[in-house]
Amino acid sequence: MAEVIRIKGGTDNCYLVVEGMNAILVDTSSKKSLDKVIEECDKYDLKLIVLTHTHFDHADNAAELSRKYNVPVAIHKADEGIFTSYKKQPLIPRGAVGRVVLKLSLKPLRETKVEKPENLIYVQEGDDLSTYGVNARVLELPGHTNGSIGLDVDGKHLLVGDALDNWVKPGVAHLYHDLEASRKTAEKIRALGERTVYYGHGKPTKNGKF
């Protein structure tokens, strides 16, 4: 059975999904957390990096870690363009919390140049990642970005990136590119039933607590 290990950056999380010594890294945090991420990854045999989406706070270390561990980086094709420019999928805030978060995030979102990994692979709904040593499948979770994805691990753990967030309390993403898609994604996650949900921002909770 897999274990999910939370690696907390400043305001963001990335996760190691571990089964035995095999591990998949889900998101890579920003540059300031690189040493912390490497410290955790060095404990396991890293097989794959999965980016839930390609904003800097989730993808900034992806290229460097891909080279260091000689592993591919999995994304949804719809998010590839964000490596070049955040403006290709600008974010809209939801409520007062969203406005504050966007105000604090907008400059680094616009100005941080995220290096595009050379060893990219593309994943989509239902893809099985067990060939990388962990019982996980890909979920498409659009809304925050068009290509947002997550992982369903062992039918017990849901890693959702920024499809949902837990800045104040669990809920639909406070920043979105497509609000209707975000709402549909939240219902898709809820319908999966009993799971622990791991957010890109905030502490894990039980599914449906939003």
C-alpha atoms as a PDB file:
ATOM      1  CA  MET A   1       0.000   0.000   0.000  1.00  0.00           C
ATOM      2  CA  ALA A   2       1.182   3.483  -0.836  1.00  0.00           C
ATOM      3  CA  GLU A   3       2.054   6.235   1.628  1.00  0.00           C
ATOM      4  CA  VAL A   4       1.724   9.953   0.871  1.00  0.00           C
ATOM      5  CA  ILE A   5       4.415  12.204   2.338  1.00  0.00           C
ATOM      6  CA  ARG A   6       3.727  15.937   2.443  1.00  0.00           C
ATOM      7  CA  ILE A   7       6.660  18.252   1.699  1.00  0.00           C
ATOM      8  CA  LYS A   8       5.643  21.728   2.817  1.00  0.00           C
ATOM      9  CA  GLY A   9       7.168  24.739   1.101  1.00  0.00           C
ATOM     10  CA  GLY A  10       6.336  28.336   1.957  1.00  0.00           C
ATOM     11  CA  THR A  11       2.617  28.361   1.188  1.00  0.00           C
ATOM     12  CA  ASP A  12       2.581  25.353  -1.122  1.00  0.00           C
ATOM     13  CA  ASN A  13       2.853  21.592  -0.840  1.00  0.00           C
ATOM     14  CA  CYS A  14       4.360  18.895  -2.959  1.00  0.00           C
ATOM     15  CA  TYR A  15       4.083  15.198  -2.200  1.00  0.00           C
ATOM     16  CA  LEU A  16       5.977  11.950  -2.456  1.00  0.00           C
ATOM     17  CA  VAL A  17       3.772   8.955  -3.165  1.00  0.00           C
ATOM     18  CA  VAL A  18       5.799   6.011  -1.871  1.00  0.00           C
ATOM     19  CA  GLU A  19       5.342   2.274  -2.240  1.00  0.00           C
ATOM     20  CA  GLY A  20       8.262   0.344  -0.791  1.00  0.00           C
ATOM     21  CA  MET A  21      11.317   2.199  -2.059  1.00  0.00           C
ATOM     22  CA  ASN A  22       9.581   3.357  -5.252  1.00  0.00           C
ATOM     23  CA  ALA A  23       8.350   6.946  -5.332  1.00  0.00           C
ATOM     24  CA  ILE A  24       6.520   9.429  -7.542  1.00  0.00           C
ATOM     25  CA  LEU A  25       6.968  13.134  -6.795  1.00  0.00           C
ATOM     26  CA  VAL A  26       3.774  15.129  -7.307  1.00  0.00           C
ATOM     27  CA  ASP A  27       4.661  18.784  -7.956  1.00  0.00           C
ATOM     28  CA  THR A  28       8.074  20.231  -7.164  1.00  0.00           C
ATOM     29  CA  SER A  29       7.469  23.509  -5.288  1.00  0.00           C
ATOM     30  CA  SER A  30       9.369  26.740  -5.964  1.00  0.00           C
ATOM     31  CA  LYS A  31      13.136  27.303  -6.000  1.00  0.00           C
ATOM     32  CA  LYS A  32      13.350  28.267  -2.338  1.00  0.00           C
ATOM     33  CA  SER A  33      12.200  24.747  -1.366  1.00  0.00           C
ATOM     34  CA  LEU A  34      14.532  22.818  -3.689  1.00  0.00           C
ATOM     35  CA  ASP A  35      16.907  21.561  -0.983  1.00  0.00           C
ATOM     36  CA  LYS A  36      14.021  20.327   1.158  1.00  0.00           C
ATOM     37  CA  VAL A  37      12.500  18.459  -1.798  1.00  0.00           C
ATOM     38  CA  ILE A  38      15.849  16.851  -2.682  1.00  0.00           C
ATOM     39  CA  GLU A  39      16.377  15.784   0.939  1.00  0.00           C
ATOM     40  CA  GLU A  40      13.106  13.831   0.860  1.00  0.00           C
ATOM     41  CA  CYS A  41      13.531  12.433  -2.662  1.00  0.00           C
ATOM     42  CA  ASP A  42      17.000  11.118  -1.821  1.00  0.00           C
ATOM     43  CA  LYS A  43      15.414   8.664   0.628  1.00  0.00           C
ATOM     44  CA  TYR A  44      13.688   6.747  -2.195  1.00  0.00           C
ATOM     45  CA  ASP A  45      14.077   5.475  -5.734  1.00  0.00           C
ATOM     46  CA  LEU A  46      12.322   8.261  -7.614  1.00  0.00           C
ATOM     47  CA  LYS A  47      10.639   6.951 -10.777  1.00  0.00           C
ATOM     48  CA  LEU A  48       8.533   9.860 -12.044  1.00  0.00           C
ATOM     49  CA  ILE A  49       7.595  13.497 -11.475  1.00  0.00           C
ATOM     50  CA  VAL A  50       3.962  14.471 -12.002  1.00  0.00           C
ATOM     51  CA  LEU A  51       2.954  18.120 -12.298  1.00  0.00           C
ATOM     52  CA  THR A  52      -0.658  18.801 -11.387  1.00  0.00           C
ATOM     53  CA  HIS A  53      -0.228  22.002 -13.426  1.00  0.00           C
ATOM     54  CA  THR A  54       2.680  24.148 -14.536  1.00  0.00           C
ATOM     55  CA  HIS A  55       2.513  27.318 -12.410  1.00  0.00           C
ATOM     56  CA  PHE A  56       5.861  28.233 -10.836  1.00  0.00           C
ATOM     57  CA  ASP A  57       4.956  27.199  -7.276  1.00  0.00           C
ATOM     58  CA  HIS A  58       4.268  23.663  -8.503  1.00  0.00           C
ATOM     59  CA  ALA A  59       6.723  23.291 -11.385  1.00  0.00           C
ATOM     60  CA  ASP A  60       9.723  25.542 -10.739  1.00  0.00           C
ATOM     61  CA  ASN A  61      12.078  22.681  -9.812  1.00  0.00           C
ATOM     62  CA  ALA A  62      10.789  20.125 -12.303  1.00  0.00           C
ATOM     63  CA  ALA A  63      13.526  20.440 -14.927  1.00  0.00           C
ATOM     64  CA  GLU A  64      16.348  20.389 -12.376  1.00  0.00           C
ATOM     65  CA  LEU A  65      14.939  17.399 -10.502  1.00  0.00           C
ATOM     66  CA  SER A  66      14.284  15.555 -13.756  1.00  0.00           C
ATOM     67  CA  ARG A  67      17.964  15.899 -14.657  1.00  0.00           C
ATOM     68  CA  LYS A  68      19.199  15.012 -11.172  1.00  0.00           C
ATOM     69  CA  TYR A  69      17.183  11.805 -10.898  1.00  0.00           C
ATOM     70  CA  ASN A  70      16.990  11.027 -14.633  1.00  0.00           C
ATOM     71  CA  VAL A  71      13.207  10.652 -14.576  1.00  0.00           C
ATOM     72  CA  PRO A  72      10.446  11.909 -16.883  1.00  0.00           C
ATOM     73  CA  VAL A  73       8.027  14.692 -16.009  1.00  0.00           C
ATOM     74  CA  ALA A  74       4.336  13.992 -16.641  1.00  0.00           C
ATOM     75  CA  ILE A  75       1.899  16.795 -17.495  1.00  0.00           C
ATOM     76  CA  HIS A  76      -1.376  17.214 -19.324  1.00  0.00           C
ATOM     77  CA  LYS A  77      -0.790  18.539 -22.820  1.00  0.00           C
ATOM     78  CA  ALA A  78      -3.222  21.435 -22.245  1.00  0.00           C
ATOM     79  CA  ASP A  79      -0.867  23.013 -19.690  1.00  0.00           C
ATOM     80  CA  GLU A  80       2.326  22.908 -21.730  1.00  0.00           C
ATOM     81  CA  GLY A  81       1.883  26.483 -22.966  1.00  0.00           C
ATOM     82  CA  ILE A  82       2.032  27.903 -19.430  1.00  0.00           C
ATOM     83  CA  PHE A  83       5.749  27.103 -19.332  1.00  0.00           C
ATOM     84  CA  THR A  84       6.128  29.893 -21.902  1.00  0.00           C
ATOM     85  CA  SER A  85       3.676  32.381 -20.415  1.00  0.00           C
ATOM     86  CA  TYR A  86       1.211  32.527 -17.521  1.00  0.00           C
ATOM     87  CA  LYS A  87      -0.851  34.883 -19.705  1.00  0.00           C
ATOM     88  CA  LYS A  88      -1.955  31.988 -21.894  1.00  0.00           C
ATOM     89  CA  GLN A  89      -4.296  30.938 -19.077  1.00  0.00           C
ATOM     90  CA  PRO A  90      -4.775  33.952 -16.768  1.00  0.00           C
ATOM     91  CA  LEU A  91      -6.382  33.385 -13.383  1.00  0.00           C
ATOM     92  CA  ILE A  92      -9.548  34.982 -11.999  1.00  0.00           C
ATOM     93  CA  PRO A  93     -10.075  35.324  -8.224  1.00  0.00           C
ATOM     94  CA  ARG A  94     -13.074  33.939  -6.339  1.00  0.00           C
ATOM     95  CA  GLY A  95     -14.139  35.995  -3.327  1.00  0.00           C
ATOM     96  CA  ALA A  96     -12.034  38.047  -0.915  1.00  0.00           C
ATOM     97  CA  VAL A  97      -9.558  35.233  -0.280  1.00  0.00           C
ATOM     98  CA  GLY A  98      -9.047  34.794  -4.010  1.00  0.00           C
ATOM     99  CA  ARG A  99      -8.403  38.503  -4.502  1.00  0.00           C
ATOM    100  CA  VAL A 100      -5.755  38.533  -1.764  1.00  0.00           C
ATOM    101  CA  VAL A 101      -4.066  35.375  -3.064  1.00  0.00           C
ATOM    102  CA  LEU A 102      -4.017  36.673  -6.642  1.00  0.00           C
ATOM    103  CA  LYS A 103      -2.620  40.048  -5.550  1.00  0.00           C
ATOM    104  CA  LEU A 104       0.245  38.295  -3.758  1.00  0.00           C
ATOM    105  CA  SER A 105       0.810  35.768  -6.565  1.00  0.00           C
ATOM    106  CA  LEU A 106       0.393  37.808  -9.728  1.00  0.00           C
ATOM    107  CA  LYS A 107       3.901  39.261  -9.962  1.00  0.00           C
ATOM    108  CA  PRO A 108       5.743  35.925  -9.537  1.00  0.00           C
ATOM    109  CA  LEU A 109       3.226  34.199 -11.824  1.00  0.00           C
ATOM    110  CA  ARG A 110       3.988  36.728 -14.538  1.00  0.00           C
ATOM    111  CA  GLU A 111       7.726  37.092 -13.968  1.00  0.00           C
ATOM    112  CA  THR A 112       9.005  33.661 -12.921  1.00  0.00           C
ATOM    113  CA  LYS A 113      10.385  31.818 -15.923  1.00  0.00           C
ATOM    114  CA  VAL A 114       9.730  28.126 -15.319  1.00  0.00           C
ATOM    115  CA  GLU A 115      12.214  25.964 -17.198  1.00  0.00           C
ATOM    116  CA  LYS A 116      10.425  23.464 -19.414  1.00  0.00           C
ATOM    117  CA  PRO A 117      11.722  19.936 -18.701  1.00  0.00           C
ATOM    118  CA  GLU A 118      13.298  18.153 -21.641  1.00  0.00           C
ATOM    119  CA  ASN A 119      11.979  14.737 -20.628  1.00  0.00           C
ATOM    120  CA  LEU A 120       8.228  15.481 -20.802  1.00  0.00           C
ATOM    121  CA  ILE A 121       5.539  12.855 -21.145  1.00  0.00           C
ATOM    122  CA  TYR A 122       1.834  13.532 -21.550  1.00  0.00           C
ATOM    123  CA  VAL A 123      -0.870  11.909 -19.453  1.00  0.00           C
ATOM    124  CA  GLN A 124      -4.645  11.981 -19.462  1.00  0.00           C
ATOM    125  CA  GLU A 125      -7.715  10.683 -17.622  1.00  0.00           C
ATOM    126  CA  GLY A 126      -7.399   7.074 -16.497  1.00  0.00           C
ATOM    127  CA  ASP A 127      -3.710   6.571 -17.260  1.00  0.00           C
ATOM    128  CA  ASP A 128      -2.251   3.884 -14.991  1.00  0.00           C
ATOM    129  CA  LEU A 129       1.072   4.780 -13.352  1.00  0.00           C
ATOM    130  CA  SER A 130       1.737   1.374 -11.805  1.00  0.00           C
ATOM    131  CA  THR A 131       4.634   0.866 -14.232  1.00  0.00           C
ATOM    132  CA  TYR A 132       6.415   3.486 -12.091  1.00  0.00           C
ATOM    133  CA  GLY A 133       6.052   1.349  -8.986  1.00  0.00           C
ATOM    134  CA  VAL A 134       3.024   3.035  -7.403  1.00  0.00           C
ATOM    135  CA  ASN A 135      -0.651   2.084  -7.711  1.00  0.00           C
ATOM    136  CA  ALA A 136      -2.007   5.397  -9.008  1.00  0.00           C
ATOM    137  CA  ARG A 137      -4.163   6.609 -11.863  1.00  0.00           C
ATOM    138  CA  VAL A 138      -4.479  10.032 -13.443  1.00  0.00           C
ATOM    139  CA  LEU A 139      -7.561  12.227 -13.015  1.00  0.00           C
ATOM    140  CA  GLU A 140      -8.283  15.222 -15.243  1.00  0.00           C
ATOM    141  CA  LEU A 141      -9.332  18.091 -12.936  1.00  0.00           C
ATOM    142  CA  PRO A 142      -9.710  21.203 -15.122  1.00  0.00           C
ATOM    143  CA  GLY A 143     -10.733  24.624 -13.854  1.00  0.00           C
ATOM    144  CA  HIS A 144      -7.731  26.131 -12.111  1.00  0.00           C
ATOM    145  CA  THR A 145      -5.994  25.528 -15.434  1.00  0.00           C
ATOM    146  CA  ASN A 146      -7.258  23.708 -18.499  1.00  0.00           C
ATOM    147  CA  GLY A 147      -4.771  20.908 -17.972  1.00  0.00           C
ATOM    148  CA  SER A 148      -4.944  20.489 -14.211  1.00  0.00           C
ATOM    149  CA  ILE A 149      -4.618  16.851 -13.170  1.00  0.00           C
ATOM    150  CA  GLY A 150      -4.480  14.813  -9.988  1.00  0.00           C
ATOM    151  CA  LEU A 151      -3.770  11.290  -8.820  1.00  0.00           C
ATOM    152  CA  ASP A 152      -6.056   8.699  -7.246  1.00  0.00           C
ATOM    153  CA  VAL A 153      -3.751   6.454  -5.201  1.00  0.00           C
ATOM    154  CA  ASP A 154      -4.884   3.016  -3.993  1.00  0.00           C
ATOM    155  CA  GLY A 155      -8.475   4.270  -4.008  1.00  0.00           C
ATOM    156  CA  LYS A 156      -7.632   5.967  -0.702  1.00  0.00           C
ATOM    157  CA  HIS A 157      -5.633   9.112  -1.439  1.00  0.00           C
ATOM    158  CA  LEU A 158      -6.492  11.983  -3.794  1.00  0.00           C
ATOM    159  CA  LEU A 159      -3.805  14.475  -4.776  1.00  0.00           C
ATOM    160  CA  VAL A 160      -5.611  17.393  -6.382  1.00  0.00           C
ATOM    161  CA  GLY A 161      -3.067  20.197  -6.851  1.00  0.00           C
ATOM    162  CA  ASP A 162      -4.983  23.481  -7.018  1.00  0.00           C
ATOM    163  CA  ALA A 163      -8.228  21.978  -8.318  1.00  0.00           C
ATOM    164  CA  LEU A 164      -9.372  22.515  -4.722  1.00  0.00           C
ATOM    165  CA  ASP A 165      -7.549  24.459  -2.031  1.00  0.00           C
ATOM    166  CA  ASN A 166      -7.544  24.728   1.739  1.00  0.00           C
ATOM    167  CA  TRP A 167      -6.269  28.291   2.240  1.00  0.00           C
ATOM    168  CA  VAL A 168      -8.908  28.980   4.897  1.00  0.00           C
ATOM    169  CA  LYS A 169     -11.218  26.005   4.584  1.00  0.00           C
ATOM    170  CA  PRO A 170     -11.484  23.312   1.894  1.00  0.00           C
ATOM    171  CA  GLY A 171     -13.315  24.393  -1.231  1.00  0.00           C
ATOM    172  CA  VAL A 172     -13.366  25.073  -4.945  1.00  0.00           C
ATOM    173  CA  ALA A 173     -10.155  26.766  -6.032  1.00  0.00           C
ATOM    174  CA  HIS A 174      -9.991  30.442  -5.054  1.00  0.00           C
ATOM    175  CA  LEU A 175      -8.132  31.098  -8.310  1.00  0.00           C
ATOM    176  CA  TYR A 176      -9.515  29.698 -11.529  1.00  0.00           C
ATOM    177  CA  HIS A 177      -9.238  29.984 -15.263  1.00  0.00           C
ATOM    178  CA  ASP A 178     -12.670  28.415 -15.842  1.00  0.00           C
ATOM    179  CA  LEU A 179     -15.122  28.629 -12.932  1.00  0.00           C
ATOM    180  CA  GLU A 180     -17.724  26.232 -14.353  1.00  0.00           C
ATOM    181  CA  ALA A 181     -15.043  23.627 -14.965  1.00  0.00           C
ATOM    182  CA  SER A 182     -13.769  24.150 -11.388  1.00  0.00           C
ATOM    183  CA  ARG A 183     -17.231  23.484  -9.987  1.00  0.00           C
ATOM    184  CA  LYS A 184     -17.646  20.348 -12.077  1.00  0.00           C
ATOM    185  CA  THR A 185     -14.222  19.160 -10.952  1.00  0.00           C
ATOM    186  CA  ALA A 186     -15.188  19.664  -7.296  1.00  0.00           C
ATOM    187  CA  GLU A 187     -18.262  17.481  -7.811  1.00  0.00           C
ATOM    188  CA  LYS A 188     -16.179  14.864  -9.624  1.00  0.00           C
ATOM    189  CA  ILE A 189     -13.834  14.712  -6.642  1.00  0.00           C
ATOM    190  CA  ARG A 190     -16.716  14.545  -4.168  1.00  0.00           C
ATOM    191  CA  ALA A 191     -18.298  11.672  -6.133  1.00  0.00           C
ATOM    192  CA  LEU A 192     -15.175   9.548  -5.682  1.00  0.00           C
ATOM    193  CA  GLY A 193     -16.251   8.982  -2.094  1.00  0.00           C
ATOM    194  CA  GLU A 194     -14.111   8.147   0.889  1.00  0.00           C
ATOM    195  CA  ARG A 195     -10.594   9.421   0.289  1.00  0.00           C
ATOM    196  CA  THR A 196      -8.049  11.677   1.957  1.00  0.00           C
ATOM    197  CA  VAL A 197      -7.592  14.818  -0.151  1.00  0.00           C
ATOM    198  CA  TYR A 198      -4.130  16.387  -0.443  1.00  0.00           C
ATOM    199  CA  TYR A 199      -4.118  20.009  -1.596  1.00  0.00           C
ATOM    200  CA  GLY A 200      -1.508  22.152  -3.278  1.00  0.00           C
ATOM    201  CA  HIS A 201      -2.178  24.704  -0.525  1.00  0.00           C
ATOM    202  CA  GLY A 202      -3.285  23.743   2.959  1.00  0.00           C
ATOM    203  CA  LYS A 203      -3.524  20.651   5.132  1.00  0.00           C
ATOM    204  CA  PRO A 204      -5.087  17.371   3.929  1.00  0.00           C
ATOM    205  CA  THR A 205      -8.729  16.638   4.812  1.00  0.00           C
ATOM    206  CA  LYS A 206     -11.277  13.926   4.245  1.00  0.00           C
ATOM    207  CA  ASN A 207     -13.126  14.070   0.924  1.00  0.00           C
ATOM    208  CA  GLY A 208     -16.392  16.010   0.865  1.00  0.00           C
ATOM    209  CA  LYS A 209     -15.293  18.536   3.494  1.00  0.00           C
ATOM    210  CA  PHE A 210     -15.857  21.359   1.034  1.00  0.00           C
END
